[in-house]
Amino acid sequence: MSKITDKVRSYAEVIHRIKNLKKHSNSFAIIKLGEICCLQGSYDMFCIQVGTPANPKTKRIFLSAGIHGDEPAGVEAILTFLEYFHEYEVLFEGVAATILPCDNPFGYERNTRENADGLDLNQQFQNQDSIQEIRLIKKAIGRSSFDMALAFHEDVEGEGFYLWERKCTTLKSIGELVVQRVAQDYPIERKAQIEGFPNRQGVISLDKRYLEKGWTQEYYLFRHGTKYCFTLESPVNMLFQKRVEMHLLALRTSLQLLHQHWQ
């Protein structure tokens, strides 16, 4: 069962669980990225590294959640995945991961989309390093490019799971395979359009029109060479535990596809 709830949340509990990860596996390197300071307090941000990218054949992935503080299921999904890493370990053979469990601690604790300055952080990645959270996220990414990036989000108006996919033009779409697997156990979003984009049976293919409000995290990653960028969306009106399960199933399926498409 999830330890986080929809409304009452403590970032201190997130930090406690991150620091306890060594009890679950010796595979993790836990890195303190820095501190976010605001009038209401301060928050340490952490990055978890799994595996080593030294081998040129190593596949690299990036996982992040909680950039919108009112979308908690992704934070719980990442923490649960790390705490039950032994169930995924076989999928990490030849894989190195950079993982950010919670990108917006202030909003997370207060169930608000924005940070302490009232900013939607997922529209700020074209900016320089004046925004604390963005600076630390970029620090974690560094000069890396990834084979796959997954951002865990939620949709307050959604009725089922769906995802946004951005990919290199030379690569085959695999987002539909992720959605098809999730659809075996959970409802899929069936609206014809989402934010003006056609919904292709739970997959929305991204193009430059999505950048009108500012660079998103996934676009920043794409611009820096990431091959597949997925933004996973669970429906807020469903039970919290079901939303967490959707994200975990999408993560597992994405890892399986990562191996299949880079043999």
C-alpha atoms as a PDB file:
ATOM      1  CA  MET A   1       0.000   0.000   0.000  1.00  0.00           C
ATOM      2  CA  SER A   2       1.069   3.592  -0.674  1.00  0.00           C
ATOM      3  CA  LYS A   3       2.444   5.541   2.264  1.00  0.00           C
ATOM      4  CA  ILE A   4       1.461   8.875   0.723  1.00  0.00           C
ATOM      5  CA  THR A   5      -2.120  10.150   0.562  1.00  0.00           C
ATOM      6  CA  ASP A   6      -3.833  12.461  -1.890  1.00  0.00           C
ATOM      7  CA  LYS A   7      -4.055  15.553   0.326  1.00  0.00           C
ATOM      8  CA  VAL A   8      -1.995  15.244   3.535  1.00  0.00           C
ATOM      9  CA  ARG A   9       1.674  14.930   2.674  1.00  0.00           C
ATOM     10  CA  SER A  10       5.038  15.534   4.290  1.00  0.00           C
ATOM     11  CA  TYR A  11       8.181  16.148   2.284  1.00  0.00           C
ATOM     12  CA  ALA A  12      10.129  15.172   5.409  1.00  0.00           C
ATOM     13  CA  GLU A  13       8.643  11.696   4.981  1.00  0.00           C
ATOM     14  CA  VAL A  14       9.856  11.646   1.372  1.00  0.00           C
ATOM     15  CA  ILE A  15      13.380  12.498   2.575  1.00  0.00           C
ATOM     16  CA  HIS A  16      13.142   9.833   5.275  1.00  0.00           C
ATOM     17  CA  ARG A  17      12.259   7.207   2.688  1.00  0.00           C
ATOM     18  CA  ILE A  18      15.047   8.338   0.356  1.00  0.00           C
ATOM     19  CA  LYS A  19      17.632   8.089   3.135  1.00  0.00           C
ATOM     20  CA  ASN A  20      16.369   4.622   4.033  1.00  0.00           C
ATOM     21  CA  LEU A  21      16.836   3.272   0.502  1.00  0.00           C
ATOM     22  CA  LYS A  22      20.178   1.715   1.394  1.00  0.00           C
ATOM     23  CA  LYS A  23      18.206  -0.734   3.546  1.00  0.00           C
ATOM     24  CA  HIS A  24      16.459  -1.978   0.403  1.00  0.00           C
ATOM     25  CA  SER A  25      19.409  -2.221  -1.985  1.00  0.00           C
ATOM     26  CA  ASN A  26      23.103  -1.426  -2.261  1.00  0.00           C
ATOM     27  CA  SER A  27      22.531  -0.398  -5.879  1.00  0.00           C
ATOM     28  CA  PHE A  28      21.725   3.242  -5.083  1.00  0.00           C
ATOM     29  CA  ALA A  29      23.922   6.313  -4.946  1.00  0.00           C
ATOM     30  CA  ILE A  30      22.007   9.065  -3.125  1.00  0.00           C
ATOM     31  CA  ILE A  31      23.197  12.562  -4.031  1.00  0.00           C
ATOM     32  CA  LYS A  32      22.111  15.792  -2.364  1.00  0.00           C
ATOM     33  CA  LEU A  33      21.679  18.294  -5.192  1.00  0.00           C
ATOM     34  CA  GLY A  34      21.222  21.326  -2.987  1.00  0.00           C
ATOM     35  CA  GLU A  35      18.707  23.257  -0.933  1.00  0.00           C
ATOM     36  CA  ILE A  36      15.615  25.184  -1.982  1.00  0.00           C
ATOM     37  CA  CYS A  37      14.949  28.183   0.279  1.00  0.00           C
ATOM     38  CA  CYS A  38      11.777  30.252   0.568  1.00  0.00           C
ATOM     39  CA  LEU A  39       9.964  32.264   3.233  1.00  0.00           C
ATOM     40  CA  GLN A  40       8.122  29.155   4.394  1.00  0.00           C
ATOM     41  CA  GLY A  41      11.281  27.109   4.997  1.00  0.00           C
ATOM     42  CA  SER A  42      13.939  25.119   3.168  1.00  0.00           C
ATOM     43  CA  TYR A  43      13.926  21.809   1.335  1.00  0.00           C
ATOM     44  CA  ASP A  44      16.791  19.513   0.404  1.00  0.00           C
ATOM     45  CA  MET A  45      16.540  18.002  -3.069  1.00  0.00           C
ATOM     46  CA  PHE A  46      18.037  14.609  -3.824  1.00  0.00           C
ATOM     47  CA  CYS A  47      18.949  12.618  -6.896  1.00  0.00           C
ATOM     48  CA  ILE A  48      19.257   8.823  -6.889  1.00  0.00           C
ATOM     49  CA  GLN A  49      21.665   7.147  -9.297  1.00  0.00           C
ATOM     50  CA  VAL A  50      21.292   3.465 -10.189  1.00  0.00           C
ATOM     51  CA  GLY A  51      23.969   1.690 -12.197  1.00  0.00           C
ATOM     52  CA  THR A  52      26.979   3.233 -13.901  1.00  0.00           C
ATOM     53  CA  PRO A  53      27.097   4.763 -17.387  1.00  0.00           C
ATOM     54  CA  ALA A  54      30.781   3.925 -17.930  1.00  0.00           C
ATOM     55  CA  ASN A  55      30.118   1.259 -20.567  1.00  0.00           C
ATOM     56  CA  PRO A  56      29.241   2.886 -23.924  1.00  0.00           C
ATOM     57  CA  LYS A  57      26.617   0.156 -24.423  1.00  0.00           C
ATOM     58  CA  THR A  58      24.840   1.097 -21.191  1.00  0.00           C
ATOM     59  CA  LYS A  59      21.290   2.336 -21.686  1.00  0.00           C
ATOM     60  CA  ARG A  60      20.492   5.534 -19.804  1.00  0.00           C
ATOM     61  CA  ILE A  61      17.112   6.561 -18.407  1.00  0.00           C
ATOM     62  CA  PHE A  62      15.797   9.574 -16.499  1.00  0.00           C
ATOM     63  CA  LEU A  63      12.821   9.441 -14.117  1.00  0.00           C
ATOM     64  CA  SER A  64      11.164  12.382 -12.386  1.00  0.00           C
ATOM     65  CA  ALA A  65       7.963  13.200 -10.514  1.00  0.00           C
ATOM     66  CA  GLY A  66       6.231  15.897  -8.524  1.00  0.00           C
ATOM     67  CA  ILE A  67       7.115  18.932 -10.621  1.00  0.00           C
ATOM     68  CA  HIS A  68       3.433  19.810 -10.139  1.00  0.00           C
ATOM     69  CA  GLY A  69       2.864  19.571  -6.408  1.00  0.00           C
ATOM     70  CA  ASP A  70      -0.787  18.551  -6.738  1.00  0.00           C
ATOM     71  CA  GLU A  71       0.152  15.385  -8.673  1.00  0.00           C
ATOM     72  CA  PRO A  72       1.379  13.063  -5.900  1.00  0.00           C
ATOM     73  CA  ALA A  73       0.892   9.597  -7.421  1.00  0.00           C
ATOM     74  CA  GLY A  74       4.099   9.852  -9.426  1.00  0.00           C
ATOM     75  CA  VAL A  75       6.146  10.665  -6.306  1.00  0.00           C
ATOM     76  CA  GLU A  76       4.732   7.611  -4.574  1.00  0.00           C
ATOM     77  CA  ALA A  77       5.325   5.473  -7.672  1.00  0.00           C
ATOM     78  CA  ILE A  78       9.021   6.386  -7.794  1.00  0.00           C
ATOM     79  CA  LEU A  79       9.510   5.823  -4.063  1.00  0.00           C
ATOM     80  CA  THR A  80       7.687   2.492  -4.209  1.00  0.00           C
ATOM     81  CA  PHE A  81       9.729   1.435  -7.249  1.00  0.00           C
ATOM     82  CA  LEU A  82      12.956   2.211  -5.366  1.00  0.00           C
ATOM     83  CA  GLU A  83      11.806   0.462  -2.195  1.00  0.00           C
ATOM     84  CA  TYR A  84      10.870  -2.646  -4.189  1.00  0.00           C
ATOM     85  CA  PHE A  85      13.826  -2.390  -6.532  1.00  0.00           C
ATOM     86  CA  HIS A  86      14.508  -6.127  -6.241  1.00  0.00           C
ATOM     87  CA  GLU A  87      11.371  -6.703  -8.332  1.00  0.00           C
ATOM     88  CA  TYR A  88      12.819  -4.566 -11.162  1.00  0.00           C
ATOM     89  CA  GLU A  89      16.512  -5.380 -10.806  1.00  0.00           C
ATOM     90  CA  VAL A  90      16.633  -7.770 -13.768  1.00  0.00           C
ATOM     91  CA  LEU A  91      15.430  -4.896 -15.980  1.00  0.00           C
ATOM     92  CA  PHE A  92      18.424  -2.819 -14.879  1.00  0.00           C
ATOM     93  CA  GLU A  93      21.058  -5.075 -16.351  1.00  0.00           C
ATOM     94  CA  GLY A  94      23.039  -2.751 -18.609  1.00  0.00           C
ATOM     95  CA  VAL A  95      20.937   0.256 -17.546  1.00  0.00           C
ATOM     96  CA  ALA A  96      21.937   3.395 -15.634  1.00  0.00           C
ATOM     97  CA  ALA A  97      19.219   5.637 -14.194  1.00  0.00           C
ATOM     98  CA  THR A  98      19.064   9.206 -12.904  1.00  0.00           C
ATOM     99  CA  ILE A  99      16.014   9.608 -10.662  1.00  0.00           C
ATOM    100  CA  LEU A 100      14.415  12.729  -9.142  1.00  0.00           C
ATOM    101  CA  PRO A 101      11.612  11.662  -6.765  1.00  0.00           C
ATOM    102  CA  CYS A 102      10.098  15.116  -6.130  1.00  0.00           C
ATOM    103  CA  ASP A 103      10.888  18.224  -8.185  1.00  0.00           C
ATOM    104  CA  ASN A 104       8.629  20.666  -6.303  1.00  0.00           C
ATOM    105  CA  PRO A 105       8.758  20.030  -2.527  1.00  0.00           C
ATOM    106  CA  PHE A 106       6.911  23.253  -1.626  1.00  0.00           C
ATOM    107  CA  GLY A 107       3.957  22.482  -3.896  1.00  0.00           C
ATOM    108  CA  TYR A 108       4.000  18.823  -2.924  1.00  0.00           C
ATOM    109  CA  GLU A 109       3.451  19.580   0.766  1.00  0.00           C
ATOM    110  CA  ARG A 110       0.716  22.125   0.024  1.00  0.00           C
ATOM    111  CA  ASN A 111      -1.055  20.262  -2.789  1.00  0.00           C
ATOM    112  CA  THR A 112      -0.453  23.157  -5.189  1.00  0.00           C
ATOM    113  CA  ARG A 113       0.678  23.005  -8.794  1.00  0.00           C
ATOM    114  CA  GLU A 114       3.152  25.876  -8.438  1.00  0.00           C
ATOM    115  CA  ASN A 115       6.255  26.469  -6.334  1.00  0.00           C
ATOM    116  CA  ALA A 116       6.628  29.084  -3.565  1.00  0.00           C
ATOM    117  CA  ASP A 117       7.006  31.856  -6.160  1.00  0.00           C
ATOM    118  CA  GLY A 118       3.760  30.901  -7.897  1.00  0.00           C
ATOM    119  CA  LEU A 119       5.567  29.420 -10.917  1.00  0.00           C
ATOM    120  CA  ASP A 120       4.559  26.387 -12.915  1.00  0.00           C
ATOM    121  CA  LEU A 121       8.019  24.839 -12.961  1.00  0.00           C
ATOM    122  CA  ASN A 122       7.226  22.758 -16.017  1.00  0.00           C
ATOM    123  CA  GLN A 123       7.140  25.920 -18.122  1.00  0.00           C
ATOM    124  CA  GLN A 124      10.503  27.302 -16.985  1.00  0.00           C
ATOM    125  CA  PHE A 125      13.213  25.164 -18.584  1.00  0.00           C
ATOM    126  CA  GLN A 126      14.143  27.779 -21.183  1.00  0.00           C
ATOM    127  CA  ASN A 127      15.188  30.072 -18.318  1.00  0.00           C
ATOM    128  CA  GLN A 128      18.662  30.364 -16.885  1.00  0.00           C
ATOM    129  CA  ASP A 129      19.466  29.222 -13.367  1.00  0.00           C
ATOM    130  CA  SER A 130      17.570  31.912 -11.445  1.00  0.00           C
ATOM    131  CA  ILE A 131      14.837  29.434 -10.406  1.00  0.00           C
ATOM    132  CA  GLN A 132      16.129  27.217  -7.617  1.00  0.00           C
ATOM    133  CA  GLU A 133      14.295  24.021  -8.526  1.00  0.00           C
ATOM    134  CA  ILE A 134      15.160  24.311 -12.215  1.00  0.00           C
ATOM    135  CA  ARG A 135      18.815  24.887 -11.384  1.00  0.00           C
ATOM    136  CA  LEU A 136      18.963  21.699  -9.304  1.00  0.00           C
ATOM    137  CA  ILE A 137      17.079  19.613 -11.870  1.00  0.00           C
ATOM    138  CA  LYS A 138      19.499  20.768 -14.566  1.00  0.00           C
ATOM    139  CA  LYS A 139      22.377  19.949 -12.220  1.00  0.00           C
ATOM    140  CA  ALA A 140      21.118  16.362 -11.983  1.00  0.00           C
ATOM    141  CA  ILE A 141      20.781  16.113 -15.767  1.00  0.00           C
ATOM    142  CA  GLY A 142      24.186  17.676 -16.365  1.00  0.00           C
ATOM    143  CA  ARG A 143      25.492  17.100 -19.866  1.00  0.00           C
ATOM    144  CA  SER A 144      23.791  13.733 -20.116  1.00  0.00           C
ATOM    145  CA  SER A 145      21.572  12.550 -22.914  1.00  0.00           C
ATOM    146  CA  PHE A 146      19.281   9.634 -22.239  1.00  0.00           C
ATOM    147  CA  ASP A 147      17.793   6.799 -24.220  1.00  0.00           C
ATOM    148  CA  MET A 148      14.484   7.323 -22.430  1.00  0.00           C
ATOM    149  CA  ALA A 149      12.978   9.843 -20.012  1.00  0.00           C
ATOM    150  CA  LEU A 150       9.752   9.336 -18.066  1.00  0.00           C
ATOM    151  CA  ALA A 151       7.997  12.164 -16.212  1.00  0.00           C
ATOM    152  CA  PHE A 152       5.173  11.099 -13.890  1.00  0.00           C
ATOM    153  CA  HIS A 153       2.177  13.450 -14.000  1.00  0.00           C
ATOM    154  CA  GLU A 154      -1.569  13.450 -13.298  1.00  0.00           C
ATOM    155  CA  ASP A 155      -4.597  14.964 -15.009  1.00  0.00           C
ATOM    156  CA  VAL A 156      -7.297  16.504 -12.831  1.00  0.00           C
ATOM    157  CA  GLU A 157      -9.811  16.204 -15.691  1.00  0.00           C
ATOM    158  CA  GLY A 158      -8.699  12.787 -16.925  1.00  0.00           C
ATOM    159  CA  GLU A 159     -10.855   9.679 -16.946  1.00  0.00           C
ATOM    160  CA  GLY A 160      -8.098   7.213 -17.789  1.00  0.00           C
ATOM    161  CA  PHE A 161      -4.368   6.780 -18.302  1.00  0.00           C
ATOM    162  CA  TYR A 162      -2.583   8.353 -21.273  1.00  0.00           C
ATOM    163  CA  LEU A 163       0.852   9.613 -22.211  1.00  0.00           C
ATOM    164  CA  TRP A 164       2.600  12.297 -24.235  1.00  0.00           C
ATOM    165  CA  GLU A 165       5.381  11.066 -26.494  1.00  0.00           C
ATOM    166  CA  ARG A 166       8.219  13.015 -28.058  1.00  0.00           C
ATOM    167  CA  LYS A 167      10.882  11.069 -29.935  1.00  0.00           C
ATOM    168  CA  CYS A 168      13.641  11.317 -32.506  1.00  0.00           C
ATOM    169  CA  THR A 169      12.094  11.274 -35.972  1.00  0.00           C
ATOM    170  CA  THR A 170      14.147   8.233 -36.983  1.00  0.00           C
ATOM    171  CA  LEU A 171      12.688   6.087 -34.207  1.00  0.00           C
ATOM    172  CA  LYS A 172       9.481   4.090 -34.158  1.00  0.00           C
ATOM    173  CA  SER A 173       6.766   5.172 -31.742  1.00  0.00           C
ATOM    174  CA  ILE A 174       6.559   2.840 -28.735  1.00  0.00           C
ATOM    175  CA  GLY A 175       4.165   4.887 -26.591  1.00  0.00           C
ATOM    176  CA  GLU A 176       1.201   2.915 -27.881  1.00  0.00           C
ATOM    177  CA  LEU A 177       2.790  -0.316 -26.611  1.00  0.00           C
ATOM    178  CA  VAL A 178       3.007   1.180 -23.110  1.00  0.00           C
ATOM    179  CA  VAL A 179      -0.625   2.276 -23.247  1.00  0.00           C
ATOM    180  CA  GLN A 180      -1.782  -1.095 -24.595  1.00  0.00           C
ATOM    181  CA  ARG A 181      -0.187  -2.844 -21.620  1.00  0.00           C
ATOM    182  CA  VAL A 182      -1.727  -0.446 -19.094  1.00  0.00           C
ATOM    183  CA  ALA A 183      -5.098  -0.854 -20.857  1.00  0.00           C
ATOM    184  CA  GLN A 184      -5.146  -4.555 -19.945  1.00  0.00           C
ATOM    185  CA  ASP A 185      -5.755  -3.586 -16.308  1.00  0.00           C
ATOM    186  CA  TYR A 186      -6.862   0.052 -16.196  1.00  0.00           C
ATOM    187  CA  PRO A 187      -9.036   2.502 -18.149  1.00  0.00           C
ATOM    188  CA  ILE A 188      -7.456   4.586 -20.914  1.00  0.00           C
ATOM    189  CA  GLU A 189      -8.330   8.209 -21.685  1.00  0.00           C
ATOM    190  CA  ARG A 190     -10.693   8.265 -24.672  1.00  0.00           C
ATOM    191  CA  LYS A 191     -11.233  12.001 -25.257  1.00  0.00           C
ATOM    192  CA  ALA A 192     -10.663  12.853 -28.923  1.00  0.00           C
ATOM    193  CA  GLN A 193      -8.348  15.755 -28.044  1.00  0.00           C
ATOM    194  CA  ILE A 194      -6.238  16.768 -25.053  1.00  0.00           C
ATOM    195  CA  GLU A 195      -5.081  20.394 -24.877  1.00  0.00           C
ATOM    196  CA  GLY A 196      -5.799  20.708 -28.588  1.00  0.00           C
ATOM    197  CA  PHE A 197      -3.751  17.659 -29.603  1.00  0.00           C
ATOM    198  CA  PRO A 198      -5.300  14.531 -31.144  1.00  0.00           C
ATOM    199  CA  ASN A 199      -5.512  11.617 -28.737  1.00  0.00           C
ATOM    200  CA  ARG A 200      -4.488   8.441 -30.568  1.00  0.00           C
ATOM    201  CA  GLN A 201      -5.903   5.745 -28.270  1.00  0.00           C
ATOM    202  CA  GLY A 202      -4.099   7.135 -25.253  1.00  0.00           C
ATOM    203  CA  VAL A 203      -1.003   8.530 -27.010  1.00  0.00           C
ATOM    204  CA  ILE A 204      -0.463  12.205 -27.815  1.00  0.00           C
ATOM    205  CA  SER A 205       2.443  12.897 -30.141  1.00  0.00           C
ATOM    206  CA  LEU A 206       4.173  16.164 -29.285  1.00  0.00           C
ATOM    207  CA  ASP A 207       5.421  18.834 -31.648  1.00  0.00           C
ATOM    208  CA  LYS A 208       6.562  22.449 -31.286  1.00  0.00           C
ATOM    209  CA  ARG A 209       3.036  23.778 -30.683  1.00  0.00           C
ATOM    210  CA  TYR A 210       3.308  22.541 -27.108  1.00  0.00           C
ATOM    211  CA  LEU A 211       6.021  25.100 -26.337  1.00  0.00           C
ATOM    212  CA  GLU A 212       3.836  28.217 -26.402  1.00  0.00           C
ATOM    213  CA  LYS A 213       3.895  28.558 -22.584  1.00  0.00           C
ATOM    214  CA  GLY A 214       7.591  27.751 -22.189  1.00  0.00           C
ATOM    215  CA  TRP A 215      10.000  24.843 -22.346  1.00  0.00           C
ATOM    216  CA  THR A 216       8.896  21.779 -20.428  1.00  0.00           C
ATOM    217  CA  GLN A 217      11.244  19.392 -18.696  1.00  0.00           C
ATOM    218  CA  GLU A 218      10.743  16.764 -21.370  1.00  0.00           C
ATOM    219  CA  TYR A 219      11.521  19.268 -24.144  1.00  0.00           C
ATOM    220  CA  TYR A 220      14.706  20.334 -22.349  1.00  0.00           C
ATOM    221  CA  LEU A 221      15.736  16.669 -22.189  1.00  0.00           C
ATOM    222  CA  PHE A 222      14.815  16.172 -25.840  1.00  0.00           C
ATOM    223  CA  ARG A 223      16.854  19.219 -26.873  1.00  0.00           C
ATOM    224  CA  HIS A 224      19.800  17.687 -25.030  1.00  0.00           C
ATOM    225  CA  GLY A 225      19.649  14.453 -26.982  1.00  0.00           C
ATOM    226  CA  THR A 226      17.140  12.211 -25.207  1.00  0.00           C
ATOM    227  CA  LYS A 227      15.692   9.750 -27.733  1.00  0.00           C
ATOM    228  CA  TYR A 228      12.290   9.007 -26.186  1.00  0.00           C
ATOM    229  CA  CYS A 229      10.477  11.404 -23.822  1.00  0.00           C
ATOM    230  CA  PHE A 230       7.280  10.187 -22.172  1.00  0.00           C
ATOM    231  CA  THR A 231       4.998  12.207 -19.917  1.00  0.00           C
ATOM    232  CA  LEU A 232       2.758   9.728 -18.115  1.00  0.00           C
ATOM    233  CA  GLU A 233      -0.676  10.909 -16.960  1.00  0.00           C
ATOM    234  CA  SER A 234      -2.961   9.184 -14.467  1.00  0.00           C
ATOM    235  CA  PRO A 235      -6.520  10.429 -13.739  1.00  0.00           C
ATOM    236  CA  VAL A 236      -6.838  12.236 -10.393  1.00  0.00           C
ATOM    237  CA  ASN A 237     -10.482  11.166  -9.994  1.00  0.00           C
ATOM    238  CA  MET A 238      -9.439   7.509  -9.555  1.00  0.00           C
ATOM    239  CA  LEU A 239      -8.313   5.952  -6.278  1.00  0.00           C
ATOM    240  CA  PHE A 240      -4.790   6.991  -5.356  1.00  0.00           C
ATOM    241  CA  GLN A 241      -3.429   3.448  -5.164  1.00  0.00           C
ATOM    242  CA  LYS A 242      -4.756   2.650  -8.642  1.00  0.00           C
ATOM    243  CA  ARG A 243      -2.982   5.705 -10.053  1.00  0.00           C
ATOM    244  CA  VAL A 244       0.283   4.618  -8.451  1.00  0.00           C
ATOM    245  CA  GLU A 245      -0.169   1.149  -9.955  1.00  0.00           C
ATOM    246  CA  MET A 246      -0.727   2.659 -13.415  1.00  0.00           C
ATOM    247  CA  HIS A 247       2.563   4.523 -13.193  1.00  0.00           C
ATOM    248  CA  LEU A 248       4.456   1.481 -11.966  1.00  0.00           C
ATOM    249  CA  LEU A 249       3.064  -0.675 -14.753  1.00  0.00           C
ATOM    250  CA  ALA A 250       3.960   1.974 -17.343  1.00  0.00           C
ATOM    251  CA  LEU A 251       7.485   2.150 -15.878  1.00  0.00           C
ATOM    252  CA  ARG A 252       7.961  -1.612 -15.985  1.00  0.00           C
ATOM    253  CA  THR A 253       6.674  -1.796 -19.558  1.00  0.00           C
ATOM    254  CA  SER A 254       8.904   1.086 -20.646  1.00  0.00           C
ATOM    255  CA  LEU A 255      11.959  -0.672 -19.201  1.00  0.00           C
ATOM    256  CA  GLN A 256      11.060  -3.860 -21.030  1.00  0.00           C
ATOM    257  CA  LEU A 257      10.696  -1.942 -24.294  1.00  0.00           C
ATOM    258  CA  LEU A 258      13.998  -0.204 -23.669  1.00  0.00           C
ATOM    259  CA  HIS A 259      15.727  -3.583 -23.814  1.00  0.00           C
ATOM    260  CA  GLN A 260      13.742  -4.845 -26.777  1.00  0.00           C
ATOM    261  CA  HIS A 261      14.463  -1.818 -28.957  1.00  0.00           C
ATOM    262  CA  TRP A 262      18.202  -1.605 -28.215  1.00  0.00           C
ATOM    263  CA  GLN A 263      19.339  -5.192 -28.627  1.00  0.00           C
END
